[in-house]
PDB file of N, CA and C in Angstrom:
ATOM      1  N   MET A   1       9.477   7.798 -16.088  1.00  0.00           N
ATOM      2  CA  MET A   1       8.197   7.372 -16.180  1.00  0.00           C
ATOM      3  C   MET A   1       7.087   8.550 -15.903  1.00  0.00           C
ATOM      4  N   ASP A   2       6.206   8.281 -16.470  1.00  0.00           N
ATOM      5  CA  ASP A   2       4.954   9.266 -15.982  1.00  0.00           C
ATOM      6  C   ASP A   2       3.898   8.419 -15.219  1.00  0.00           C
ATOM      7  N   LEU A   3       3.224   9.270 -14.462  1.00  0.00           N
ATOM      8  CA  LEU A   3       2.393   8.752 -13.387  1.00  0.00           C
ATOM      9  C   LEU A   3       1.271   7.720 -13.867  1.00  0.00           C
ATOM     10  N   THR A   4       0.695   7.943 -15.175  1.00  0.00           N
ATOM     11  CA  THR A   4      -0.125   7.069 -15.688  1.00  0.00           C
ATOM     12  C   THR A   4       0.423   5.856 -16.041  1.00  0.00           C
ATOM     13  N   THR A   5       1.598   5.802 -16.551  1.00  0.00           N
ATOM     14  CA  THR A   5       2.291   4.534 -16.764  1.00  0.00           C
ATOM     15  C   THR A   5       2.516   3.620 -15.519  1.00  0.00           C
ATOM     16  N   TYR A   6       3.072   4.252 -14.506  1.00  0.00           N
ATOM     17  CA  TYR A   6       3.054   3.709 -13.154  1.00  0.00           C
ATOM     18  C   TYR A   6       1.723   3.151 -12.759  1.00  0.00           C
ATOM     19  N   VAL A   7       0.645   3.901 -12.873  1.00  0.00           N
ATOM     20  CA  VAL A   7      -0.856   3.161 -12.608  1.00  0.00           C
ATOM     21  C   VAL A   7      -1.315   2.141 -13.379  1.00  0.00           C
ATOM     22  N   THR A   8      -0.824   2.159 -14.507  1.00  0.00           N
ATOM     23  CA  THR A   8      -1.172   1.107 -15.648  1.00  0.00           C
ATOM     24  C   THR A   8      -0.195  -0.084 -15.156  1.00  0.00           C
ATOM     25  N   GLU A   9       0.986  -0.146 -14.798  1.00  0.00           N
ATOM     26  CA  GLU A   9       1.781  -1.137 -14.522  1.00  0.00           C
ATOM     27  C   GLU A   9       1.289  -1.610 -13.137  1.00  0.00           C
ATOM     28  N   LEU A  10       0.852  -0.736 -11.999  1.00  0.00           N
ATOM     29  CA  LEU A  10       0.344  -1.373 -10.856  1.00  0.00           C
ATOM     30  C   LEU A  10      -0.911  -2.275 -11.054  1.00  0.00           C
ATOM     31  N   THR A  11      -1.803  -1.632 -11.826  1.00  0.00           N
ATOM     32  CA  THR A  11      -3.130  -2.479 -12.192  1.00  0.00           C
ATOM     33  C   THR A  11      -2.920  -3.704 -12.820  1.00  0.00           C
ATOM     34  N   ALA A  12      -1.824  -3.767 -13.657  1.00  0.00           N
ATOM     35  CA  ALA A  12      -1.621  -4.824 -14.596  1.00  0.00           C
ATOM     36  C   ALA A  12      -0.751  -5.972 -13.908  1.00  0.00           C
ATOM     37  N   GLY A  13      -0.534  -5.681 -12.541  1.00  0.00           N
ATOM     38  CA  GLY A  13       0.313  -6.585 -12.002  1.00  0.00           C
ATOM     39  C   GLY A  13       1.749  -6.623 -12.221  1.00  0.00           C
ATOM     40  N   LEU A  14       2.497  -5.701 -13.036  1.00  0.00           N
ATOM     41  CA  LEU A  14       3.801  -5.539 -13.482  1.00  0.00           C
ATOM     42  C   LEU A  14       4.384  -5.244 -12.022  1.00  0.00           C
ATOM     43  N   ILE A  15       4.119  -4.166 -11.248  1.00  0.00           N
ATOM     44  CA  ILE A  15       4.918  -3.628  -9.903  1.00  0.00           C
ATOM     45  C   ILE A  15       3.724  -3.791  -8.935  1.00  0.00           C
ATOM     46  N   GLY A  16       4.255  -3.940  -7.795  1.00  0.00           N
ATOM     47  CA  GLY A  16       3.925  -4.037  -6.405  1.00  0.00           C
ATOM     48  C   GLY A  16       3.490  -2.766  -5.952  1.00  0.00           C
ATOM     49  N   ALA A  17       2.279  -2.816  -4.873  1.00  0.00           N
ATOM     50  CA  ALA A  17       2.115  -1.489  -4.085  1.00  0.00           C
ATOM     51  C   ALA A  17       3.285  -0.755  -3.648  1.00  0.00           C
ATOM     52  N   ALA A  18       4.108  -1.466  -2.831  1.00  0.00           N
ATOM     53  CA  ALA A  18       5.340  -0.992  -2.240  1.00  0.00           C
ATOM     54  C   ALA A  18       6.199  -0.171  -3.311  1.00  0.00           C
ATOM     55  N   SER A  19       6.535  -0.763  -4.581  1.00  0.00           N
ATOM     56  CA  SER A  19       7.266  -0.353  -5.545  1.00  0.00           C
ATOM     57  C   SER A  19       6.705   0.859  -6.038  1.00  0.00           C
ATOM     58  N   PHE A  20       5.186   0.901  -6.184  1.00  0.00           N
ATOM     59  CA  PHE A  20       4.499   2.190  -6.691  1.00  0.00           C
ATOM     60  C   PHE A  20       4.697   3.137  -5.778  1.00  0.00           C
ATOM     61  N   ALA A  21       4.319   2.699  -4.446  1.00  0.00           N
ATOM     62  CA  ALA A  21       4.435   4.105  -3.453  1.00  0.00           C
ATOM     63  C   ALA A  21       5.938   4.671  -3.540  1.00  0.00           C
ATOM     64  N   ALA A  22       6.851   3.797  -3.510  1.00  0.00           N
ATOM     65  CA  ALA A  22       8.361   4.220  -3.490  1.00  0.00           C
ATOM     66  C   ALA A  22       8.455   5.273  -4.712  1.00  0.00           C
ATOM     67  N   ALA A  23       8.169   4.904  -5.868  1.00  0.00           N
ATOM     68  CA  ALA A  23       8.429   5.563  -6.895  1.00  0.00           C
ATOM     69  C   ALA A  23       7.676   6.725  -7.076  1.00  0.00           C
ATOM     70  N   VAL A  24       6.446   6.686  -6.553  1.00  0.00           N
ATOM     71  CA  VAL A  24       5.614   8.051  -6.659  1.00  0.00           C
ATOM     72  C   VAL A  24       6.201   9.066  -5.649  1.00  0.00           C
ATOM     73  N   ARG A  25       6.609   8.529  -4.441  1.00  0.00           N
ATOM     74  CA  ARG A  25       7.026   9.477  -3.596  1.00  0.00           C
ATOM     75  C   ARG A  25       8.500  10.141  -3.982  1.00  0.00           C
ATOM     76  N   GLN A  26       9.274   9.188  -4.726  1.00  0.00           N
ATOM     77  CA  GLN A  26      10.479   9.620  -5.111  1.00  0.00           C
ATOM     78  C   GLN A  26      10.430  10.675  -6.264  1.00  0.00           C
ATOM     79  N   THR A  27       9.493  10.736  -6.914  1.00  0.00           N
ATOM     80  CA  THR A  27       9.084  11.565  -8.030  1.00  0.00           C
ATOM     81  C   THR A  27       8.288  12.859  -7.616  1.00  0.00           C
ATOM     82  N   GLY A  28       7.906  12.744  -6.247  1.00  0.00           N
ATOM     83  CA  GLY A  28       6.965  13.828  -5.573  1.00  0.00           C
ATOM     84  C   GLY A  28       5.690  14.173  -6.277  1.00  0.00           C
ATOM     85  N   GLN A  29       5.004  12.783  -6.503  1.00  0.00           N
ATOM     86  CA  GLN A  29       3.898  12.833  -7.137  1.00  0.00           C
ATOM     87  C   GLN A  29       2.676  12.389  -6.232  1.00  0.00           C
ATOM     88  N   THR A  30       3.081  12.318  -4.942  1.00  0.00           N
ATOM     89  CA  THR A  30       2.005  11.544  -4.114  1.00  0.00           C
ATOM     90  C   THR A  30       0.554  12.027  -4.127  1.00  0.00           C
ATOM     91  N   ALA A  31       0.390  13.341  -4.146  1.00  0.00           N
ATOM     92  CA  ALA A  31      -1.076  13.948  -4.445  1.00  0.00           C
ATOM     93  C   ALA A  31      -1.772  13.581  -5.513  1.00  0.00           C
ATOM     94  N   ASP A  32      -0.924  13.661  -6.504  1.00  0.00           N
ATOM     95  CA  ASP A  32      -1.421  13.302  -7.986  1.00  0.00           C
ATOM     96  C   ASP A  32      -1.902  11.649  -7.981  1.00  0.00           C
ATOM     97  N   ALA A  33      -1.148  10.900  -7.390  1.00  0.00           N
ATOM     98  CA  ALA A  33      -1.273   9.307  -7.531  1.00  0.00           C
ATOM     99  C   ALA A  33      -2.536   9.122  -6.556  1.00  0.00           C
ATOM    100  N   VAL A  34      -2.572   9.729  -5.438  1.00  0.00           N
ATOM    101  CA  VAL A  34      -3.667   9.429  -4.611  1.00  0.00           C
ATOM    102  C   VAL A  34      -5.187   9.934  -5.365  1.00  0.00           C
ATOM    103  N   ARG A  35      -5.048  11.083  -6.108  1.00  0.00           N
ATOM    104  CA  ARG A  35      -6.382  11.421  -6.894  1.00  0.00           C
ATOM    105  C   ARG A  35      -6.736  10.201  -8.206  1.00  0.00           C
ATOM    106  N   LEU A  36      -5.375   9.922  -8.533  1.00  0.00           N
ATOM    107  CA  LEU A  36      -5.841   8.919  -9.439  1.00  0.00           C
ATOM    108  C   LEU A  36      -6.333   7.483  -9.035  1.00  0.00           C
ATOM    109  N   LEU A  37      -5.815   7.203  -7.790  1.00  0.00           N
ATOM    110  CA  LEU A  37      -5.749   5.854  -7.162  1.00  0.00           C
ATOM    111  C   LEU A  37      -7.521   5.793  -6.617  1.00  0.00           C
ATOM    112  N   VAL A  38      -7.921   6.667  -6.173  1.00  0.00           N
ATOM    113  CA  VAL A  38      -9.168   6.880  -5.182  1.00  0.00           C
ATOM    114  C   VAL A  38     -10.278   6.170  -5.909  1.00  0.00           C
ATOM    115  N   PRO A  39     -10.569   6.487  -7.256  1.00  0.00           N
ATOM    116  CA  PRO A  39     -11.656   5.581  -8.009  1.00  0.00           C
ATOM    117  C   PRO A  39     -11.337   4.282  -8.409  1.00  0.00           C
ATOM    118  N   ILE A  40      -9.835   4.175  -8.732  1.00  0.00           N
ATOM    119  CA  ILE A  40      -9.714   2.591  -8.908  1.00  0.00           C
ATOM    120  C   ILE A  40      -9.572   1.704  -8.070  1.00  0.00           C
ATOM    121  N   ALA A  41      -9.063   2.179  -6.595  1.00  0.00           N
ATOM    122  CA  ALA A  41      -9.056   1.435  -5.665  1.00  0.00           C
ATOM    123  C   ALA A  41     -10.318   0.466  -5.038  1.00  0.00           C
ATOM    124  N   GLN A  42     -11.596   1.068  -5.461  1.00  0.00           N
ATOM    125  CA  GLN A  42     -12.759   0.411  -5.248  1.00  0.00           C
ATOM    126  C   GLN A  42     -12.604  -1.032  -5.976  1.00  0.00           C
ATOM    127  N   HIS A  43     -12.015  -1.234  -6.990  1.00  0.00           N
ATOM    128  CA  HIS A  43     -12.338  -2.289  -7.967  1.00  0.00           C
ATOM    129  C   HIS A  43     -10.749  -3.250  -8.045  1.00  0.00           C
ATOM    130  N   ASP A  44      -9.734  -2.511  -7.745  1.00  0.00           N
ATOM    131  CA  ASP A  44      -8.468  -3.022  -7.638  1.00  0.00           C
ATOM    132  C   ASP A  44      -7.670  -3.183  -6.436  1.00  0.00           C
ATOM    133  N   ALA A  45      -7.129  -4.488  -6.239  1.00  0.00           N
ATOM    134  CA  ALA A  45      -6.644  -4.587  -4.710  1.00  0.00           C
ATOM    135  C   ALA A  45      -5.424  -3.986  -4.611  1.00  0.00           C
ATOM    136  N   ALA A  46      -4.610  -4.119  -5.803  1.00  0.00           N
ATOM    137  CA  ALA A  46      -3.264  -3.300  -5.769  1.00  0.00           C
ATOM    138  C   ALA A  46      -3.335  -1.946  -5.583  1.00  0.00           C
ATOM    139  N   ALA A  47      -4.458  -1.281  -6.312  1.00  0.00           N
ATOM    140  CA  ALA A  47      -4.416   0.091  -6.280  1.00  0.00           C
ATOM    141  C   ALA A  47      -5.054   0.540  -4.894  1.00  0.00           C
ATOM    142  N   ALA A  48      -5.741  -0.329  -4.179  1.00  0.00           N
ATOM    143  CA  ALA A  48      -6.232  -0.195  -2.781  1.00  0.00           C
ATOM    144  C   ALA A  48      -4.779  -0.222  -1.890  1.00  0.00           C
ATOM    145  N   GLU A  49      -4.214  -1.075  -1.935  1.00  0.00           N
ATOM    146  CA  GLU A  49      -3.002  -1.297  -0.935  1.00  0.00           C
ATOM    147  C   GLU A  49      -2.148  -0.374  -1.305  1.00  0.00           C
ATOM    148  N   ALA A  50      -1.791   0.236  -2.626  1.00  0.00           N
ATOM    149  CA  ALA A  50      -0.893   1.428  -2.868  1.00  0.00           C
ATOM    150  C   ALA A  50      -1.444   2.555  -2.262  1.00  0.00           C
ATOM    151  N   LEU A  51      -2.907   2.904  -2.249  1.00  0.00           N
ATOM    152  CA  LEU A  51      -3.313   4.036  -1.725  1.00  0.00           C
ATOM    153  C   LEU A  51      -3.291   4.176  -0.144  1.00  0.00           C
ATOM    154  N   THR A  52      -3.398   2.871   0.509  1.00  0.00           N
ATOM    155  CA  THR A  52      -3.179   2.825   1.993  1.00  0.00           C
ATOM    156  C   THR A  52      -1.710   3.051   2.383  1.00  0.00           C
ATOM    157  N   ARG A  53      -0.776   2.688   1.374  1.00  0.00           N
ATOM    158  CA  ARG A  53       0.414   3.201   1.628  1.00  0.00           C
ATOM    159  C   ARG A  53       1.033   4.620   1.266  1.00  0.00           C
ATOM    160  N   LEU A  54       0.092   5.372   0.511  1.00  0.00           N
ATOM    161  CA  LEU A  54       0.393   6.612   0.282  1.00  0.00           C
ATOM    162  C   LEU A  54      -0.476   7.491   1.145  1.00  0.00           C
ATOM    163  N   ALA A  55      -1.526   7.101   1.433  1.00  0.00           N
ATOM    164  CA  ALA A  55      -2.277   7.850   2.444  1.00  0.00           C
ATOM    165  C   ALA A  55      -3.013   6.915   3.558  1.00  0.00           C
ATOM    166  N   PRO A  56      -2.041   6.636   4.536  1.00  0.00           N
ATOM    167  CA  PRO A  56      -2.467   5.845   5.482  1.00  0.00           C
ATOM    168  C   PRO A  56      -3.989   6.004   6.318  1.00  0.00           C
ATOM    169  N   GLY A  57      -4.000   7.164   6.602  1.00  0.00           N
ATOM    170  CA  GLY A  57      -5.267   7.652   7.118  1.00  0.00           C
ATOM    171  C   GLY A  57      -6.558   7.469   6.108  1.00  0.00           C
ATOM    172  N   TRP A  58      -6.474   7.445   4.907  1.00  0.00           N
ATOM    173  CA  TRP A  58      -7.500   7.423   3.919  1.00  0.00           C
ATOM    174  C   TRP A  58      -8.679   6.796   4.323  1.00  0.00           C
ATOM    175  N   ARG A  59      -8.372   5.279   4.583  1.00  0.00           N
ATOM    176  CA  ARG A  59      -9.639   4.262   4.781  1.00  0.00           C
ATOM    177  C   ARG A  59     -10.108   4.390   6.217  1.00  0.00           C
TER     178      ARG A  59
END
């Protein structure tokens, strides 16, 4: 599954932040995921939680 699909499922509530973070780490796309989540996290709680899990020092 590609990263945009993961983000879509996260923001739609189909997967949780912990599952999202685990999937992203497993595929080695952490940096790309953080770049996608930064603008979304301001408006979406699940994206904000996932961002915190992927980049704990970010907030």
